[in-house]
Amino acid sequence: MKLKHILIGIAFVIFGACALLQNIKVKASANAPINGVWRGQMNGLPAVTLLVTDEGGSLVGGVLFYFQQRANENSPWTVTPGLPEPMLNPKFDGKTLTFQISHRRAHPPGSLNDLPMPFHLTLVGPDKAELLNEKEGPPLTLTRSEY
């Protein structure tokens, strides 16, 4: 009789664990279209790399912007990576990821007191999205890869 109760208890634990894992899997799959590494280019060189991951149903990520410059109009473009910044307050509605990036280290010392910059990453096709800074510039097309 005691063995029967133990087996029933184990069955309930396994059933509960399966239900919990299924629930976690459903939550993670809602963010699946936005997860991965997103890369954008300008002038044939890297312009931005954005990493988005789902950590137990919560989105986290970071952004690396690249500084492009050239000595004059006829010189080739060169690129230097900036400092990676974490995404702040990321939210995904199934089509658009909204987040903020700290702007403090962007152009010091003038930017030290700047508020975070708001961004949208909107899916426009399979593994394609447009990154838009709400404050300036046209959208930049990004392509997704699986890390």
C-alpha atoms as a PDB file:
ATOM      1  CA  MET A   1       0.000   0.000   0.000  1.00  0.00           C
ATOM      2  CA  LYS A   2       2.844   2.385   0.884  1.00  0.00           C
ATOM      3  CA  LEU A   3       4.534   1.632  -2.462  1.00  0.00           C
ATOM      4  CA  LYS A   4       1.298   2.452  -4.292  1.00  0.00           C
ATOM      5  CA  HIS A   5       1.134   5.897  -2.615  1.00  0.00           C
ATOM      6  CA  ILE A   6       4.777   6.578  -3.476  1.00  0.00           C
ATOM      7  CA  LEU A   7       4.194   5.662  -7.121  1.00  0.00           C
ATOM      8  CA  ILE A   8       1.095   7.868  -7.277  1.00  0.00           C
ATOM      9  CA  GLY A   9       3.100  10.722  -5.717  1.00  0.00           C
ATOM     10  CA  ILE A  10       5.894  10.273  -8.263  1.00  0.00           C
ATOM     11  CA  ALA A  11       3.329  10.265 -11.086  1.00  0.00           C
ATOM     12  CA  PHE A  12       1.903  13.589  -9.831  1.00  0.00           C
ATOM     13  CA  VAL A  13       5.394  15.111  -9.621  1.00  0.00           C
ATOM     14  CA  ILE A  14       6.199  13.996 -13.182  1.00  0.00           C
ATOM     15  CA  PHE A  15       2.842  15.270 -14.448  1.00  0.00           C
ATOM     16  CA  GLY A  16       3.362  18.612 -12.697  1.00  0.00           C
ATOM     17  CA  ALA A  17       6.892  18.952 -14.056  1.00  0.00           C
ATOM     18  CA  CYS A  18       5.673  18.213 -17.593  1.00  0.00           C
ATOM     19  CA  ALA A  19       2.926  20.813 -17.266  1.00  0.00           C
ATOM     20  CA  LEU A  20       5.424  23.391 -15.959  1.00  0.00           C
ATOM     21  CA  LEU A  21       7.894  22.690 -18.779  1.00  0.00           C
ATOM     22  CA  GLN A  22       5.101  22.975 -21.353  1.00  0.00           C
ATOM     23  CA  ASN A  23       4.113  26.355 -19.891  1.00  0.00           C
ATOM     24  CA  ILE A  24       7.720  27.591 -20.035  1.00  0.00           C
ATOM     25  CA  LYS A  25       8.049  26.335 -23.628  1.00  0.00           C
ATOM     26  CA  VAL A  26       4.906  28.235 -24.668  1.00  0.00           C
ATOM     27  CA  LYS A  27       6.198  31.459 -23.101  1.00  0.00           C
ATOM     28  CA  ALA A  28       9.599  31.077 -24.753  1.00  0.00           C
ATOM     29  CA  SER A  29       8.062  30.389 -28.146  1.00  0.00           C
ATOM     30  CA  ALA A  30       6.198  33.721 -28.060  1.00  0.00           C
ATOM     31  CA  ASN A  31       9.587  35.473 -28.238  1.00  0.00           C
ATOM     32  CA  ALA A  32      11.128  33.035 -30.749  1.00  0.00           C
ATOM     33  CA  PRO A  33      10.697  35.334 -33.804  1.00  0.00           C
ATOM     34  CA  ILE A  34      12.840  38.043 -32.194  1.00  0.00           C
ATOM     35  CA  ASN A  35      15.525  35.857 -30.522  1.00  0.00           C
ATOM     36  CA  GLY A  36      18.954  35.723 -32.107  1.00  0.00           C
ATOM     37  CA  VAL A  37      21.698  37.984 -33.374  1.00  0.00           C
ATOM     38  CA  TRP A  38      20.570  40.836 -35.623  1.00  0.00           C
ATOM     39  CA  ARG A  39      23.167  42.566 -37.806  1.00  0.00           C
ATOM     40  CA  GLY A  40      22.947  45.687 -39.914  1.00  0.00           C
ATOM     41  CA  GLN A  41      25.417  47.293 -42.305  1.00  0.00           C
ATOM     42  CA  MET A  42      26.062  50.703 -43.815  1.00  0.00           C
ATOM     43  CA  ASN A  43      28.654  51.473 -46.478  1.00  0.00           C
ATOM     44  CA  GLY A  44      29.366  47.729 -46.706  1.00  0.00           C
ATOM     45  CA  LEU A  45      30.614  47.681 -43.108  1.00  0.00           C
ATOM     46  CA  PRO A  46      29.056  46.685 -39.766  1.00  0.00           C
ATOM     47  CA  ALA A  47      26.781  49.385 -38.326  1.00  0.00           C
ATOM     48  CA  VAL A  48      24.999  47.587 -35.482  1.00  0.00           C
ATOM     49  CA  THR A  49      24.803  44.174 -33.853  1.00  0.00           C
ATOM     50  CA  LEU A  50      21.871  43.428 -31.580  1.00  0.00           C
ATOM     51  CA  LEU A  51      21.594  40.285 -29.431  1.00  0.00           C
ATOM     52  CA  VAL A  52      18.182  39.220 -28.102  1.00  0.00           C
ATOM     53  CA  THR A  53      17.609  36.179 -25.887  1.00  0.00           C
ATOM     54  CA  ASP A  54      14.704  34.778 -23.933  1.00  0.00           C
ATOM     55  CA  GLU A  55      15.697  34.015 -20.362  1.00  0.00           C
ATOM     56  CA  GLY A  56      12.796  32.051 -18.902  1.00  0.00           C
ATOM     57  CA  GLY A  57      10.144  34.148 -20.629  1.00  0.00           C
ATOM     58  CA  SER A  58      11.881  37.505 -20.096  1.00  0.00           C
ATOM     59  CA  LEU A  59      13.690  39.200 -22.952  1.00  0.00           C
ATOM     60  CA  VAL A  60      17.227  40.437 -22.412  1.00  0.00           C
ATOM     61  CA  GLY A  61      19.829  41.660 -24.828  1.00  0.00           C
ATOM     62  CA  GLY A  62      22.445  44.144 -25.808  1.00  0.00           C
ATOM     63  CA  VAL A  63      23.447  46.394 -28.666  1.00  0.00           C
ATOM     64  CA  LEU A  64      26.827  47.186 -30.186  1.00  0.00           C
ATOM     65  CA  PHE A  65      26.993  50.211 -32.473  1.00  0.00           C
ATOM     66  CA  TYR A  66      29.940  50.765 -34.801  1.00  0.00           C
ATOM     67  CA  PHE A  67      31.459  54.172 -35.526  1.00  0.00           C
ATOM     68  CA  GLN A  68      32.108  54.700 -39.241  1.00  0.00           C
ATOM     69  CA  GLN A  69      34.339  57.430 -40.567  1.00  0.00           C
ATOM     70  CA  ARG A  70      36.576  58.380 -43.458  1.00  0.00           C
ATOM     71  CA  ALA A  71      39.254  61.005 -43.866  1.00  0.00           C
ATOM     72  CA  ASN A  72      37.535  62.661 -46.859  1.00  0.00           C
ATOM     73  CA  GLU A  73      34.948  61.951 -49.566  1.00  0.00           C
ATOM     74  CA  ASN A  74      37.387  59.887 -51.622  1.00  0.00           C
ATOM     75  CA  SER A  75      38.798  57.829 -48.741  1.00  0.00           C
ATOM     76  CA  PRO A  76      37.470  54.392 -47.864  1.00  0.00           C
ATOM     77  CA  TRP A  77      35.186  54.003 -44.874  1.00  0.00           C
ATOM     78  CA  THR A  78      36.697  52.574 -41.698  1.00  0.00           C
ATOM     79  CA  VAL A  79      34.801  51.132 -38.769  1.00  0.00           C
ATOM     80  CA  THR A  80      35.461  51.002 -35.035  1.00  0.00           C
ATOM     81  CA  PRO A  81      33.187  49.148 -32.589  1.00  0.00           C
ATOM     82  CA  GLY A  82      31.763  51.189 -29.763  1.00  0.00           C
ATOM     83  CA  LEU A  83      30.958  49.932 -26.302  1.00  0.00           C
ATOM     84  CA  PRO A  84      28.197  47.339 -25.946  1.00  0.00           C
ATOM     85  CA  GLU A  85      25.133  48.549 -24.076  1.00  0.00           C
ATOM     86  CA  PRO A  86      22.367  46.477 -22.491  1.00  0.00           C
ATOM     87  CA  MET A  87      18.807  46.796 -23.759  1.00  0.00           C
ATOM     88  CA  LEU A  88      16.613  48.522 -21.182  1.00  0.00           C
ATOM     89  CA  ASN A  89      12.915  47.643 -20.775  1.00  0.00           C
ATOM     90  CA  PRO A  90      12.648  45.295 -23.790  1.00  0.00           C
ATOM     91  CA  LYS A  91       9.079  44.421 -24.796  1.00  0.00           C
ATOM     92  CA  PHE A  92       7.934  42.324 -27.762  1.00  0.00           C
ATOM     93  CA  ASP A  93       4.341  42.408 -29.033  1.00  0.00           C
ATOM     94  CA  GLY A  94       4.734  39.686 -31.660  1.00  0.00           C
ATOM     95  CA  LYS A  95       5.876  42.073 -34.395  1.00  0.00           C
ATOM     96  CA  THR A  96       7.855  44.911 -32.800  1.00  0.00           C
ATOM     97  CA  LEU A  97      10.527  44.867 -30.111  1.00  0.00           C
ATOM     98  CA  THR A  98      10.691  48.160 -28.216  1.00  0.00           C
ATOM     99  CA  PHE A  99      13.628  48.960 -25.951  1.00  0.00           C
ATOM    100  CA  GLN A 100      15.906  51.734 -24.789  1.00  0.00           C
ATOM    101  CA  ILE A 101      19.686  52.123 -24.858  1.00  0.00           C
ATOM    102  CA  SER A 102      21.690  54.323 -22.519  1.00  0.00           C
ATOM    103  CA  HIS A 103      23.139  57.312 -24.358  1.00  0.00           C
ATOM    104  CA  ARG A 104      25.481  58.409 -21.565  1.00  0.00           C
ATOM    105  CA  ARG A 105      28.668  56.992 -23.131  1.00  0.00           C
ATOM    106  CA  ALA A 106      27.748  57.847 -26.733  1.00  0.00           C
ATOM    107  CA  HIS A 107      29.493  61.235 -27.052  1.00  0.00           C
ATOM    108  CA  PRO A 108      31.050  62.155 -23.696  1.00  0.00           C
ATOM    109  CA  PRO A 109      31.261  64.511 -22.004  1.00  0.00           C
ATOM    110  CA  GLY A 110      28.241  66.128 -23.696  1.00  0.00           C
ATOM    111  CA  SER A 111      26.064  63.015 -23.438  1.00  0.00           C
ATOM    112  CA  LEU A 112      26.740  62.135 -19.787  1.00  0.00           C
ATOM    113  CA  ASN A 113      23.331  63.450 -18.675  1.00  0.00           C
ATOM    114  CA  ASP A 114      21.358  62.212 -21.703  1.00  0.00           C
ATOM    115  CA  LEU A 115      18.226  60.152 -21.224  1.00  0.00           C
ATOM    116  CA  PRO A 116      18.076  56.636 -22.708  1.00  0.00           C
ATOM    117  CA  MET A 117      17.334  56.498 -26.448  1.00  0.00           C
ATOM    118  CA  PRO A 118      14.143  54.659 -27.510  1.00  0.00           C
ATOM    119  CA  PHE A 119      14.321  52.123 -30.361  1.00  0.00           C
ATOM    120  CA  HIS A 120      11.937  49.868 -32.302  1.00  0.00           C
ATOM    121  CA  LEU A 121      12.958  46.679 -34.090  1.00  0.00           C
ATOM    122  CA  THR A 122      10.036  45.742 -36.362  1.00  0.00           C
ATOM    123  CA  LEU A 123       9.881  42.403 -38.142  1.00  0.00           C
ATOM    124  CA  VAL A 124       9.409  42.906 -41.894  1.00  0.00           C
ATOM    125  CA  GLY A 125      10.024  39.362 -43.165  1.00  0.00           C
ATOM    126  CA  PRO A 126      11.636  36.054 -42.288  1.00  0.00           C
ATOM    127  CA  ASP A 127      14.863  36.929 -40.446  1.00  0.00           C
ATOM    128  CA  LYS A 128      14.543  40.583 -41.563  1.00  0.00           C
ATOM    129  CA  ALA A 129      13.710  43.584 -39.407  1.00  0.00           C
ATOM    130  CA  GLU A 130      14.022  47.355 -39.434  1.00  0.00           C
ATOM    131  CA  LEU A 131      15.714  49.156 -36.561  1.00  0.00           C
ATOM    132  CA  LEU A 132      14.431  52.650 -35.931  1.00  0.00           C
ATOM    133  CA  ASN A 133      15.768  55.190 -33.488  1.00  0.00           C
ATOM    134  CA  GLU A 134      12.741  57.271 -32.520  1.00  0.00           C
ATOM    135  CA  LYS A 135      14.833  60.451 -32.326  1.00  0.00           C
ATOM    136  CA  GLU A 136      16.734  60.456 -35.633  1.00  0.00           C
ATOM    137  CA  GLY A 137      17.449  58.858 -38.959  1.00  0.00           C
ATOM    138  CA  PRO A 138      15.784  56.409 -41.327  1.00  0.00           C
ATOM    139  CA  PRO A 139      15.332  52.740 -40.366  1.00  0.00           C
ATOM    140  CA  LEU A 140      18.230  50.339 -40.856  1.00  0.00           C
ATOM    141  CA  THR A 141      17.540  46.829 -42.201  1.00  0.00           C
ATOM    142  CA  LEU A 142      18.888  44.046 -39.986  1.00  0.00           C
ATOM    143  CA  THR A 143      19.263  40.343 -40.732  1.00  0.00           C
ATOM    144  CA  ARG A 144      18.884  37.665 -38.050  1.00  0.00           C
ATOM    145  CA  SER A 145      21.068  34.649 -37.448  1.00  0.00           C
ATOM    146  CA  GLU A 146      20.952  32.006 -34.728  1.00  0.00           C
ATOM    147  CA  TYR A 147      23.890  33.378 -32.716  1.00  0.00           C
END
